[in-house]
Amino acid sequence: MKKNQRSEKILKQQEIVNAARAAGRELTSEEQAEFDSLQREIDTLTAEIAEEERAAETQTAEQRAIQAERQRVTEISTMCRDFEMDPSEFIRDGLSIEQVRGKILEKIKSERAPSPAAIEVVRAEEEKIRTAASDALLMRSGISIDKPAEGARDLMGMRLRDIAIDVLKRAGNHNAHRLDAEKLLRAALTPDSQFVSILSDSVNKSMATAYKAQNTTYQAWTRKGSNPDFKEAAVYQISEAGELVKMTQGGEFKFDEMKDSKAKKSIATFGRSFGLTREAFVNDDIDVLTRVPAAYVRAAGRGINKLVYKTLASNPTIYDNKTLFHADHGNLASSGAVINTISIGEGRRAMRVQKNLRGKEVLNIGPSFLIVPSSLETAAQQFLTSLADPAGAHAGVANVFRNSYSLVVDAELDDYSEIAHYLAASPADIDTIEVTYLNGDEMPKLESRVGFDFLGMEWRIYIDYGVNVLDYRGLYKNPGASAGE
């Protein structure tokens, strides 16, 4: 009502002003007096309206407080009645509903606390079920396990839903079998749930099995290294000590200055994520727990393998601002040739006569590996296993390289050249290419959490590594030639 009165008076003020403007004049004394009188009435109404609104707000707040207190008393009384506790002390002390709920929970725990011996029995039983169920999932997916956990074969007929129900029933939820798929999955996927442990254990075992079986070749001839962090690290190479010089009687010992060179190495993180969705749970898609993580482990190994051979074959610029294989390094054949006694002999000699950093002492390091693309596999096998020289004019010419080197064949090299081949020294004799891991840990890491963006379980797999050239002296490249050239 008062707001309407105020609006009418404001409108009348506007009419007075508009009439004066239309006549092209200022307000007359009578109009000004009427305008001011209206303004006083407007101010009075505004103050009265504000006071009424404050009073209404105060009354509403009081009503809300009364209602909240009634609700608190009612809920506390109901909870205490259900657990045979006296609510009067909680109500009198002003405890919140959550605080009372905590008091009730403490009472239940104190009444039902199991003995230490009982706890150990429960833990042992949970561990037995976890290992048996995870092994059962792996065997269902076709992964061979040498010594399955006791009871694993008995659980192979259980679907993911059955395992979730069994776990929840053991935890006290005896109506778990009546839950629909979504409610069942939500109930089973709590952070401390045994169901989560079973899933993660299956994924971890699948990863470990795949890691042992990965088909990569870089490990044979590269060095494994370690970095404590992700910062670029310097690797110092110190030259060999100079020869001892013959001393004359009363002669002075000469000081020997050693030379050093600095290569650099670094690492990066490579990873992917995957998950068990509600749909996969309903469809009992156990491949998400077994084959998918195994595939990512193999992919991690392939990634390292690919980067190692890319580093070898792409001939990158290294620490001395020259390419890995360079005429100045003495590790690049002057012209390409097929694998034969002459070309391999030249490579062996080139490696033998490599000198240390000072360029004075001969290292006398020979090759231990012949590295070839798959296109040269047959020719290389024949060369390293034949009794007679494959290129000899008659069988009486012995093959001096028979069983001399270990053959490393990798198809990653075919993408760069189908005829180039390499000699490599043993990593125990000299540094060449290093696969550097964070803290030396070469096993991919696995982390898990209950899905946040979707209903299910989420994992992420990652590995920290880098491929770094430390020295060129233990490597030799022949660009190769086509057969018959």
Foldseek 3Di string as FASTA:
>chain_A
DLVVVLVVLVVVLVVQVVVQVVVVHDHDPVSVVSNVVSVVSNVVSVVVVVVVVVVVVVVVVVVVVVVVLVVQLVLLVVVCVVQVHDSPVVSVVVPGPVVSVVVSVVVVCVVPPDDPVVVVVVVVVLVLLLQLCLLLLQVLVPHDDPDGGPCNVVCVPDFLLRSLQVQVVVVPPPCLVVDDLQVSLVVQADPPHSSVSSLVVNLVVLQVVLLVVADFFPVQAAAAAADQDFDKDKDKDKWDWDDADDADVVRDGDDTDIDIAIWIWGKDKDKDKDFCASVCRVVSVSCSRHVVSSVVSNVVVVVVRLQQLCLVQVQDQTRVRGTLADVVQLFEDPAFAADFPVVLVSNQVSLQQGHTPVSPHGLRFGFAEKEAEPLCVVVVVCLQAPQAGPPDPDRVHGRPNHVVHHYHYDNSNVVRPRFKMKTFTHVVSDHFKYKYFNRSDQRWDKDKHQDDVGHGIMMMTMTMITITTDHSSGMHMRRGDDPPD
